[in-house]
Amino acid sequence: MTEPMSVAVREALSTDPSTPAEALAALADDPSPVIRANLLTNPAVPADLRYQVHAALSAEAAAGDREAENALAWVRYDRSGRTACDRPE
């Protein structure tokens, strides 16, 4: 039986541009808003997946989830120079 990945491992994967696409897609459903917010600034994450993650985090924040709200605030102030979410083509 495989043990679940630790938060530290998931966080590292969510920020690493060399993380395989399948792993990034799996992290889009991570229970941690912080892990999902990391995907918004990872250049390897496709625009459509960033859009989906951003929409889900925004809905959670609007429903009162403070962790999702704080994660989105972090993305707004991140110094990556990337737009957190672009609509897919």
PDB file of N, CA and C in Angstrom:
ATOM      1  N   MET A   1       0.848  -1.181   0.000  1.00  0.00           N
ATOM      2  CA  MET A   1       0.000   0.000   0.000  1.00  0.00           C
ATOM      3  C   MET A   1       0.895   1.247   0.000  1.00  0.00           C
ATOM      4  N   THR A   2       0.541   2.231  -0.765  1.00  0.00           N
ATOM      5  CA  THR A   2       1.313   3.455  -0.875  1.00  0.00           C
ATOM      6  C   THR A   2       0.840   4.472   0.157  1.00  0.00           C
ATOM      7  N   GLU A   3       1.809   5.091   0.821  1.00  0.00           N
ATOM      8  CA  GLU A   3       1.467   6.133   1.784  1.00  0.00           C
ATOM      9  C   GLU A   3       1.135   7.420   1.040  1.00  0.00           C
ATOM     10  N   PRO A   4       0.211   8.224   1.582  1.00  0.00           N
ATOM     11  CA  PRO A   4      -0.095   9.505   0.941  1.00  0.00           C
ATOM     12  C   PRO A   4       1.123  10.432   1.011  1.00  0.00           C
ATOM     13  N   MET A   5       1.216  11.304   0.025  1.00  0.00           N
ATOM     14  CA  MET A   5       2.321  12.269  -0.005  1.00  0.00           C
ATOM     15  C   MET A   5       2.151  13.296   1.102  1.00  0.00           C
ATOM     16  N   SER A   6       3.254  13.691   1.683  1.00  0.00           N
ATOM     17  CA  SER A   6       3.219  14.714   2.723  1.00  0.00           C
ATOM     18  C   SER A   6       2.915  16.076   2.111  1.00  0.00           C
ATOM     19  N   VAL A   7       2.532  17.003   2.943  1.00  0.00           N
ATOM     20  CA  VAL A   7       2.263  18.365   2.492  1.00  0.00           C
ATOM     21  C   VAL A   7       3.524  18.963   1.869  1.00  0.00           C
ATOM     22  N   ALA A   8       4.676  18.715   2.469  1.00  0.00           N
ATOM     23  CA  ALA A   8       5.930  19.271   1.949  1.00  0.00           C
ATOM     24  C   ALA A   8       6.228  18.751   0.542  1.00  0.00           C
ATOM     25  N   VAL A   9       5.982  17.472   0.299  1.00  0.00           N
ATOM     26  CA  VAL A   9       6.217  16.899  -1.029  1.00  0.00           C
ATOM     27  C   VAL A   9       5.233  17.481  -2.029  1.00  0.00           C
ATOM     28  N   ARG A  10       3.964  17.561  -1.642  1.00  0.00           N
ATOM     29  CA  ARG A  10       2.953  18.122  -2.547  1.00  0.00           C
ATOM     30  C   ARG A  10       3.254  19.584  -2.855  1.00  0.00           C
ATOM     31  N   GLU A  11       3.712  20.326  -1.851  1.00  0.00           N
ATOM     32  CA  GLU A  11       4.059  21.728  -2.075  1.00  0.00           C
ATOM     33  C   GLU A  11       5.224  21.848  -3.045  1.00  0.00           C
ATOM     34  N   ALA A  12       6.236  21.029  -2.867  1.00  0.00           N
ATOM     35  CA  ALA A  12       7.388  21.062  -3.770  1.00  0.00           C
ATOM     36  C   ALA A  12       6.971  20.725  -5.199  1.00  0.00           C
ATOM     37  N   LEU A  13       6.138  19.711  -5.359  1.00  0.00           N
ATOM     38  CA  LEU A  13       5.667  19.335  -6.697  1.00  0.00           C
ATOM     39  C   LEU A  13       4.839  20.449  -7.333  1.00  0.00           C
ATOM     40  N   SER A  14       4.013  21.112  -6.539  1.00  0.00           N
ATOM     41  CA  SER A  14       3.110  22.138  -7.084  1.00  0.00           C
ATOM     42  C   SER A  14       3.858  23.375  -7.564  1.00  0.00           C
ATOM     43  N   THR A  15       5.075  23.581  -7.099  1.00  0.00           N
ATOM     44  CA  THR A  15       5.849  24.764  -7.511  1.00  0.00           C
ATOM     45  C   THR A  15       6.938  24.449  -8.519  1.00  0.00           C
ATOM     46  N   ASP A  16       7.201  23.182  -8.770  1.00  0.00           N
ATOM     47  CA  ASP A  16       8.303  22.776  -9.649  1.00  0.00           C
ATOM     48  C   ASP A  16       7.853  22.714 -11.104  1.00  0.00           C
ATOM     49  N   PRO A  17       8.465  23.528 -11.976  1.00  0.00           N
ATOM     50  CA  PRO A  17       8.081  23.501 -13.395  1.00  0.00           C
ATOM     51  C   PRO A  17       8.374  22.181 -14.100  1.00  0.00           C
ATOM     52  N   SER A  18       9.191  21.319 -13.502  1.00  0.00           N
ATOM     53  CA  SER A  18       9.484  20.033 -14.149  1.00  0.00           C
ATOM     54  C   SER A  18       8.569  18.905 -13.671  1.00  0.00           C
ATOM     55  N   THR A  19       7.583  19.233 -12.842  1.00  0.00           N
ATOM     56  CA  THR A  19       6.618  18.230 -12.387  1.00  0.00           C
ATOM     57  C   THR A  19       5.814  17.734 -13.586  1.00  0.00           C
ATOM     58  N   PRO A  20       5.654  16.423 -13.739  1.00  0.00           N
ATOM     59  CA  PRO A  20       4.879  15.893 -14.874  1.00  0.00           C
ATOM     60  C   PRO A  20       3.438  16.414 -14.882  1.00  0.00           C
ATOM     61  N   ALA A  21       2.891  16.553 -16.074  1.00  0.00           N
ATOM     62  CA  ALA A  21       1.543  17.090 -16.258  1.00  0.00           C
ATOM     63  C   ALA A  21       0.494  16.293 -15.478  1.00  0.00           C
ATOM     64  N   GLU A  22       0.654  14.967 -15.414  1.00  0.00           N
ATOM     65  CA  GLU A  22      -0.319  14.133 -14.700  1.00  0.00           C
ATOM     66  C   GLU A  22      -0.329  14.476 -13.212  1.00  0.00           C
ATOM     67  N   ALA A  23       0.846  14.724 -12.657  1.00  0.00           N
ATOM     68  CA  ALA A  23       0.935  15.069 -11.232  1.00  0.00           C
ATOM     69  C   ALA A  23       0.325  16.440 -10.981  1.00  0.00           C
ATOM     70  N   LEU A  24       0.572  17.385 -11.884  1.00  0.00           N
ATOM     71  CA  LEU A  24      -0.006  18.724 -11.736  1.00  0.00           C
ATOM     72  C   LEU A  24      -1.524  18.647 -11.779  1.00  0.00           C
ATOM     73  N   ALA A  25      -2.053  17.836 -12.694  1.00  0.00           N
ATOM     74  CA  ALA A  25      -3.510  17.685 -12.796  1.00  0.00           C
ATOM     75  C   ALA A  25      -4.077  17.085 -11.516  1.00  0.00           C
ATOM     76  N   ALA A  26      -3.372  16.129 -10.937  1.00  0.00           N
ATOM     77  CA  ALA A  26      -3.835  15.522  -9.682  1.00  0.00           C
ATOM     78  C   ALA A  26      -3.810  16.543  -8.547  1.00  0.00           C
ATOM     79  N   LEU A  27      -2.802  17.407  -8.537  1.00  0.00           N
ATOM     80  CA  LEU A  27      -2.701  18.419  -7.481  1.00  0.00           C
ATOM     81  C   LEU A  27      -3.808  19.470  -7.582  1.00  0.00           C
ATOM     82  N   ALA A  28      -4.433  19.587  -8.744  1.00  0.00           N
ATOM     83  CA  ALA A  28      -5.539  20.540  -8.907  1.00  0.00           C
ATOM     84  C   ALA A  28      -6.719  20.182  -8.012  1.00  0.00           C
ATOM     85  N   ASP A  29      -6.776  18.934  -7.548  1.00  0.00           N
ATOM     86  CA  ASP A  29      -7.843  18.482  -6.650  1.00  0.00           C
ATOM     87  C   ASP A  29      -7.363  18.345  -5.212  1.00  0.00           C
ATOM     88  N   ASP A  30      -6.183  18.880  -4.914  1.00  0.00           N
ATOM     89  CA  ASP A  30      -5.624  18.763  -3.571  1.00  0.00           C
ATOM     90  C   ASP A  30      -6.551  19.448  -2.570  1.00  0.00           C
ATOM     91  N   PRO A  31      -6.689  18.889  -1.371  1.00  0.00           N
ATOM     92  CA  PRO A  31      -7.552  19.522  -0.369  1.00  0.00           C
ATOM     93  C   PRO A  31      -6.999  20.846   0.168  1.00  0.00           C
ATOM     94  N   SER A  32      -5.707  21.090  -0.003  1.00  0.00           N
ATOM     95  CA  SER A  32      -5.104  22.317   0.517  1.00  0.00           C
ATOM     96  C   SER A  32      -5.199  23.462  -0.491  1.00  0.00           C
ATOM     97  N   PRO A  33      -5.865  24.556  -0.132  1.00  0.00           N
ATOM     98  CA  PRO A  33      -5.907  25.714  -1.024  1.00  0.00           C
ATOM     99  C   PRO A  33      -4.513  26.267  -1.344  1.00  0.00           C
ATOM    100  N   VAL A  34      -3.587  26.145  -0.423  1.00  0.00           N
ATOM    101  CA  VAL A  34      -2.223  26.645  -0.657  1.00  0.00           C
ATOM    102  C   VAL A  34      -1.546  25.856  -1.777  1.00  0.00           C
ATOM    103  N   ILE A  35      -1.687  24.540  -1.747  1.00  0.00           N
ATOM    104  CA  ILE A  35      -1.108  23.697  -2.798  1.00  0.00           C
ATOM    105  C   ILE A  35      -1.722  24.069  -4.144  1.00  0.00           C
ATOM    106  N   ARG A  36      -3.043  24.217  -4.172  1.00  0.00           N
ATOM    107  CA  ARG A  36      -3.707  24.569  -5.438  1.00  0.00           C
ATOM    108  C   ARG A  36      -3.313  25.965  -5.898  1.00  0.00           C
ATOM    109  N   ALA A  37      -3.151  26.909  -4.975  1.00  0.00           N
ATOM    110  CA  ALA A  37      -2.738  28.264  -5.353  1.00  0.00           C
ATOM    111  C   ALA A  37      -1.340  28.254  -5.960  1.00  0.00           C
ATOM    112  N   ASN A  38      -0.478  27.366  -5.486  1.00  0.00           N
ATOM    113  CA  ASN A  38       0.854  27.262  -6.076  1.00  0.00           C
ATOM    114  C   ASN A  38       0.788  26.952  -7.566  1.00  0.00           C
ATOM    115  N   LEU A  39      -0.220  26.185  -7.960  1.00  0.00           N
ATOM    116  CA  LEU A  39      -0.368  25.827  -9.373  1.00  0.00           C
ATOM    117  C   LEU A  39      -0.616  27.062 -10.242  1.00  0.00           C
ATOM    118  N   LEU A  40      -1.176  28.095  -9.664  1.00  0.00           N
ATOM    119  CA  LEU A  40      -1.500  29.294 -10.440  1.00  0.00           C
ATOM    120  C   LEU A  40      -0.254  30.043 -10.906  1.00  0.00           C
ATOM    121  N   THR A  41       0.870  29.826 -10.248  1.00  0.00           N
ATOM    122  CA  THR A  41       2.097  30.526 -10.637  1.00  0.00           C
ATOM    123  C   THR A  41       3.146  29.589 -11.229  1.00  0.00           C
ATOM    124  N   ASN A  42       2.817  28.321 -11.363  1.00  0.00           N
ATOM    125  CA  ASN A  42       3.748  27.362 -11.950  1.00  0.00           C
ATOM    126  C   ASN A  42       3.613  27.447 -13.473  1.00  0.00           C
ATOM    127  N   PRO A  43       4.702  27.812 -14.175  1.00  0.00           N
ATOM    128  CA  PRO A  43       4.613  27.986 -15.636  1.00  0.00           C
ATOM    129  C   PRO A  43       4.309  26.700 -16.398  1.00  0.00           C
ATOM    130  N   ALA A  44       4.461  25.549 -15.766  1.00  0.00           N
ATOM    131  CA  ALA A  44       4.181  24.281 -16.449  1.00  0.00           C
ATOM    132  C   ALA A  44       2.696  23.927 -16.452  1.00  0.00           C
ATOM    133  N   VAL A  45       1.903  24.620 -15.653  1.00  0.00           N
ATOM    134  CA  VAL A  45       0.471  24.321 -15.570  1.00  0.00           C
ATOM    135  C   VAL A  45      -0.237  24.976 -16.758  1.00  0.00           C
ATOM    136  N   PRO A  46      -0.970  24.181 -17.544  1.00  0.00           N
ATOM    137  CA  PRO A  46      -1.686  24.749 -18.691  1.00  0.00           C
ATOM    138  C   PRO A  46      -2.716  25.799 -18.259  1.00  0.00           C
ATOM    139  N   ALA A  47      -2.961  26.744 -19.136  1.00  0.00           N
ATOM    140  CA  ALA A  47      -3.875  27.852 -18.832  1.00  0.00           C
ATOM    141  C   ALA A  47      -5.262  27.360 -18.438  1.00  0.00           C
ATOM    142  N   ASP A  48      -5.773  26.334 -19.102  1.00  0.00           N
ATOM    143  CA  ASP A  48      -7.126  25.869 -18.771  1.00  0.00           C
ATOM    144  C   ASP A  48      -7.181  25.274 -17.366  1.00  0.00           C
ATOM    145  N   LEU A  49      -6.121  24.598 -16.931  1.00  0.00           N
ATOM    146  CA  LEU A  49      -6.088  24.055 -15.575  1.00  0.00           C
ATOM    147  C   LEU A  49      -5.935  25.179 -14.553  1.00  0.00           C
ATOM    148  N   ARG A  50      -5.127  26.187 -14.860  1.00  0.00           N
ATOM    149  CA  ARG A  50      -5.012  27.348 -13.968  1.00  0.00           C
ATOM    150  C   ARG A  50      -6.363  28.027 -13.816  1.00  0.00           C
ATOM    151  N   TYR A  51      -7.093  28.162 -14.910  1.00  0.00           N
ATOM    152  CA  TYR A  51      -8.416  28.783 -14.873  1.00  0.00           C
ATOM    153  C   TYR A  51      -9.360  27.995 -13.964  1.00  0.00           C
ATOM    154  N   GLN A  52      -9.363  26.663 -14.096  1.00  0.00           N
ATOM    155  CA  GLN A  52     -10.237  25.820 -13.274  1.00  0.00           C
ATOM    156  C   GLN A  52      -9.883  25.940 -11.790  1.00  0.00           C
ATOM    157  N   VAL A  53      -8.587  25.899 -11.495  1.00  0.00           N
ATOM    158  CA  VAL A  53      -8.146  25.998 -10.099  1.00  0.00           C
ATOM    159  C   VAL A  53      -8.513  27.362  -9.529  1.00  0.00           C
ATOM    160  N   HIS A  54      -8.286  28.411 -10.315  1.00  0.00           N
ATOM    161  CA  HIS A  54      -8.600  29.765  -9.860  1.00  0.00           C
ATOM    162  C   HIS A  54     -10.098  29.912  -9.605  1.00  0.00           C
ATOM    163  N   ALA A  55     -10.909  29.378 -10.494  1.00  0.00           N
ATOM    164  CA  ALA A  55     -12.364  29.463 -10.336  1.00  0.00           C
ATOM    165  C   ALA A  55     -12.809  28.732  -9.067  1.00  0.00           C
ATOM    166  N   ALA A  56     -12.242  27.558  -8.815  1.00  0.00           N
ATOM    167  CA  ALA A  56     -12.617  26.796  -7.621  1.00  0.00           C
ATOM    168  C   ALA A  56     -12.185  27.529  -6.348  1.00  0.00           C
ATOM    169  N   LEU A  57     -10.965  28.051  -6.339  1.00  0.00           N
ATOM    170  CA  LEU A  57     -10.494  28.792  -5.168  1.00  0.00           C
ATOM    171  C   LEU A  57     -11.328  30.053  -4.940  1.00  0.00           C
ATOM    172  N   SER A  58     -11.684  30.731  -6.012  1.00  0.00           N
ATOM    173  CA  SER A  58     -12.505  31.941  -5.895  1.00  0.00           C
ATOM    174  C   SER A  58     -13.876  31.624  -5.313  1.00  0.00           C
ATOM    175  N   ALA A  59     -14.465  30.516  -5.751  1.00  0.00           N
ATOM    176  CA  ALA A  59     -15.770  30.110  -5.223  1.00  0.00           C
ATOM    177  C   ALA A  59     -15.670  29.756  -3.741  1.00  0.00           C
ATOM    178  N   GLU A  60     -14.605  29.072  -3.366  1.00  0.00           N
ATOM    179  CA  GLU A  60     -14.409  28.721  -1.956  1.00  0.00           C
ATOM    180  C   GLU A  60     -14.210  29.980  -1.107  1.00  0.00           C
ATOM    181  N   ALA A  61     -13.431  30.915  -1.619  1.00  0.00           N
ATOM    182  CA  ALA A  61     -13.202  32.167  -0.886  1.00  0.00           C
ATOM    183  C   ALA A  61     -14.508  32.945  -0.743  1.00  0.00           C
ATOM    184  N   ALA A  62     -15.303  32.974  -1.810  1.00  0.00           N
ATOM    185  CA  ALA A  62     -16.582  33.683  -1.762  1.00  0.00           C
ATOM    186  C   ALA A  62     -17.550  33.035  -0.767  1.00  0.00           C
ATOM    187  N   ALA A  63     -17.386  31.732  -0.557  1.00  0.00           N
ATOM    188  CA  ALA A  63     -18.244  31.017   0.394  1.00  0.00           C
ATOM    189  C   ALA A  63     -17.728  31.136   1.832  1.00  0.00           C
ATOM    190  N   GLY A  64     -16.649  31.885   2.016  1.00  0.00           N
ATOM    191  CA  GLY A  64     -16.162  32.128   3.366  1.00  0.00           C
ATOM    192  C   GLY A  64     -14.946  31.326   3.795  1.00  0.00           C
ATOM    193  N   ASP A  65     -14.346  30.562   2.895  1.00  0.00           N
ATOM    194  CA  ASP A  65     -13.163  29.774   3.243  1.00  0.00           C
ATOM    195  C   ASP A  65     -11.960  30.711   3.347  1.00  0.00           C
ATOM    196  N   ARG A  66     -11.516  30.957   4.578  1.00  0.00           N
ATOM    197  CA  ARG A  66     -10.418  31.908   4.821  1.00  0.00           C
ATOM    198  C   ARG A  66      -9.094  31.412   4.246  1.00  0.00           C
ATOM    199  N   GLU A  67      -8.871  30.107   4.271  1.00  0.00           N
ATOM    200  CA  GLU A  67      -7.612  29.583   3.727  1.00  0.00           C
ATOM    201  C   GLU A  67      -7.557  29.805   2.218  1.00  0.00           C
ATOM    202  N   ALA A  68      -8.668  29.605   1.530  1.00  0.00           N
ATOM    203  CA  ALA A  68      -8.718  29.855   0.088  1.00  0.00           C
ATOM    204  C   ALA A  68      -8.535  31.350  -0.187  1.00  0.00           C
ATOM    205  N   GLU A  69      -9.170  32.181   0.620  1.00  0.00           N
ATOM    206  CA  GLU A  69      -9.029  33.629   0.472  1.00  0.00           C
ATOM    207  C   GLU A  69      -7.574  34.062   0.659  1.00  0.00           C
ATOM    208  N   ASN A  70      -6.925  33.527   1.675  1.00  0.00           N
ATOM    209  CA  ASN A  70      -5.526  33.877   1.934  1.00  0.00           C
ATOM    210  C   ASN A  70      -4.599  33.352   0.835  1.00  0.00           C
ATOM    211  N   ALA A  71      -4.896  32.172   0.313  1.00  0.00           N
ATOM    212  CA  ALA A  71      -4.084  31.615  -0.767  1.00  0.00           C
ATOM    213  C   ALA A  71      -4.175  32.488  -2.011  1.00  0.00           C
ATOM    214  N   LEU A  72      -5.377  32.960  -2.330  1.00  0.00           N
ATOM    215  CA  LEU A  72      -5.531  33.845  -3.488  1.00  0.00           C
ATOM    216  C   LEU A  72      -4.850  35.191  -3.250  1.00  0.00           C
ATOM    217  N   ALA A  73      -4.897  35.683  -2.031  1.00  0.00           N
ATOM    218  CA  ALA A  73      -4.199  36.934  -1.716  1.00  0.00           C
ATOM    219  C   ALA A  73      -2.706  36.761  -1.926  1.00  0.00           C
ATOM    220  N   TRP A  74      -2.172  35.608  -1.551  1.00  0.00           N
ATOM    221  CA  TRP A  74      -0.753  35.337  -1.764  1.00  0.00           C
ATOM    222  C   TRP A  74      -0.423  35.383  -3.256  1.00  0.00           C
ATOM    223  N   VAL A  75      -1.284  34.787  -4.076  1.00  0.00           N
ATOM    224  CA  VAL A  75      -1.039  34.770  -5.522  1.00  0.00           C
ATOM    225  C   VAL A  75      -1.009  36.195  -6.067  1.00  0.00           C
ATOM    226  N   ARG A  76      -1.903  37.046  -5.587  1.00  0.00           N
ATOM    227  CA  ARG A  76      -1.944  38.426  -6.079  1.00  0.00           C
ATOM    228  C   ARG A  76      -0.651  39.166  -5.778  1.00  0.00           C
ATOM    229  N   TYR A  77      -0.014  38.831  -4.678  1.00  0.00           N
ATOM    230  CA  TYR A  77       1.208  39.528  -4.280  1.00  0.00           C
ATOM    231  C   TYR A  77       2.471  38.751  -4.597  1.00  0.00           C
ATOM    232  N   ASP A  78       2.327  37.623  -5.246  1.00  0.00           N
ATOM    233  CA  ASP A  78       3.491  36.828  -5.619  1.00  0.00           C
ATOM    234  C   ASP A  78       4.359  37.613  -6.596  1.00  0.00           C
ATOM    235  N   ARG A  79       5.637  37.460  -6.476  1.00  0.00           N
ATOM    236  CA  ARG A  79       6.565  38.209  -7.333  1.00  0.00           C
ATOM    237  C   ARG A  79       6.969  37.446  -8.582  1.00  0.00           C
ATOM    238  N   SER A  80       6.202  36.476  -9.000  1.00  0.00           N
ATOM    239  CA  SER A  80       6.573  35.663 -10.159  1.00  0.00           C
ATOM    240  C   SER A  80       6.451  36.430 -11.470  1.00  0.00           C
ATOM    241  N   GLY A  81       5.658  37.488 -11.479  1.00  0.00           N
ATOM    242  CA  GLY A  81       5.458  38.231 -12.721  1.00  0.00           C
ATOM    243  C   GLY A  81       4.437  37.580 -13.646  1.00  0.00           C
ATOM    244  N   ARG A  82       3.865  36.439 -13.252  1.00  0.00           N
ATOM    245  CA  ARG A  82       2.866  35.762 -14.085  1.00  0.00           C
ATOM    246  C   ARG A  82       1.475  36.244 -13.703  1.00  0.00           C
ATOM    247  N   THR A  83       0.584  36.189 -14.645  1.00  0.00           N
ATOM    248  CA  THR A  83      -0.822  36.428 -14.359  1.00  0.00           C
ATOM    249  C   THR A  83      -1.365  35.161 -13.717  1.00  0.00           C
ATOM    250  N   ALA A  84      -2.047  35.296 -12.629  1.00  0.00           N
ATOM    251  CA  ALA A  84      -2.521  34.120 -11.895  1.00  0.00           C
ATOM    252  C   ALA A  84      -3.431  33.248 -12.742  1.00  0.00           C
ATOM    253  N   CYS A  85      -4.238  33.874 -13.563  1.00  0.00           N
ATOM    254  CA  CYS A  85      -5.203  33.070 -14.301  1.00  0.00           C
ATOM    255  C   CYS A  85      -5.570  33.762 -15.606  1.00  0.00           C
ATOM    256  N   ASP A  86      -5.306  33.104 -16.700  1.00  0.00           N
ATOM    257  CA  ASP A  86      -5.736  33.576 -18.012  1.00  0.00           C
ATOM    258  C   ASP A  86      -6.813  32.628 -18.503  1.00  0.00           C
ATOM    259  N   ARG A  87      -7.793  33.180 -19.174  1.00  0.00           N
ATOM    260  CA  ARG A  87      -8.820  32.309 -19.748  1.00  0.00           C
ATOM    261  C   ARG A  87      -8.179  31.461 -20.836  1.00  0.00           C
ATOM    262  N   PRO A  88      -8.553  30.174 -20.916  1.00  0.00           N
ATOM    263  CA  PRO A  88      -8.019  29.342 -21.989  1.00  0.00           C
ATOM    264  C   PRO A  88      -8.499  29.846 -23.343  1.00  0.00           C
ATOM    265  N   GLU A  89      -7.728  29.561 -24.348  1.00  0.00           N
ATOM    266  CA  GLU A  89      -8.088  29.977 -25.725  1.00  0.00           C
ATOM    267  C   GLU A  89      -9.342  29.296 -26.181  1.00  0.00           C
TER     268      GLU A  89
END
